């Protein structure tokens, strides 16, 4: 019975993944990788050595996979309805140097200040264009 329940669970997960893939192919949804906003807000990234700037996504995934949050965004909720506006912060900015988008740390400082502000406290996920 236990093995059958496990097989049913795996089958259900597989079917869900296939349904999600079909919706992505149809353009109805898209999967994004975000950084948990609390990592920046709390200064946790500073504590592990990212005081000036955030590293590339691949480096964060390797060193701190728990910081990365996978979210599926639905097109009909994103367009017009702005369903995700308060919970997601998308950061795109001018790079200071070709190899380092935020060499001075000014961008990370501004992001942290926003996330600690009353409006920023609602944000759960950060998408950063260095990834």
Foldseek 3Di string as FASTA:
>chain_A
DVVVVVVVVVVVVVVVVVVLVVCVVVVFKDKDKWFFLCCLQVCVCVVVPQQQHDDAPVVCCVPPVVRIDIDIGGPVCVPPVVNCVQAEAEDDDCAPDPVGRGRRSPVSVVSNVQCNDPSNVSYGTYHYVRD
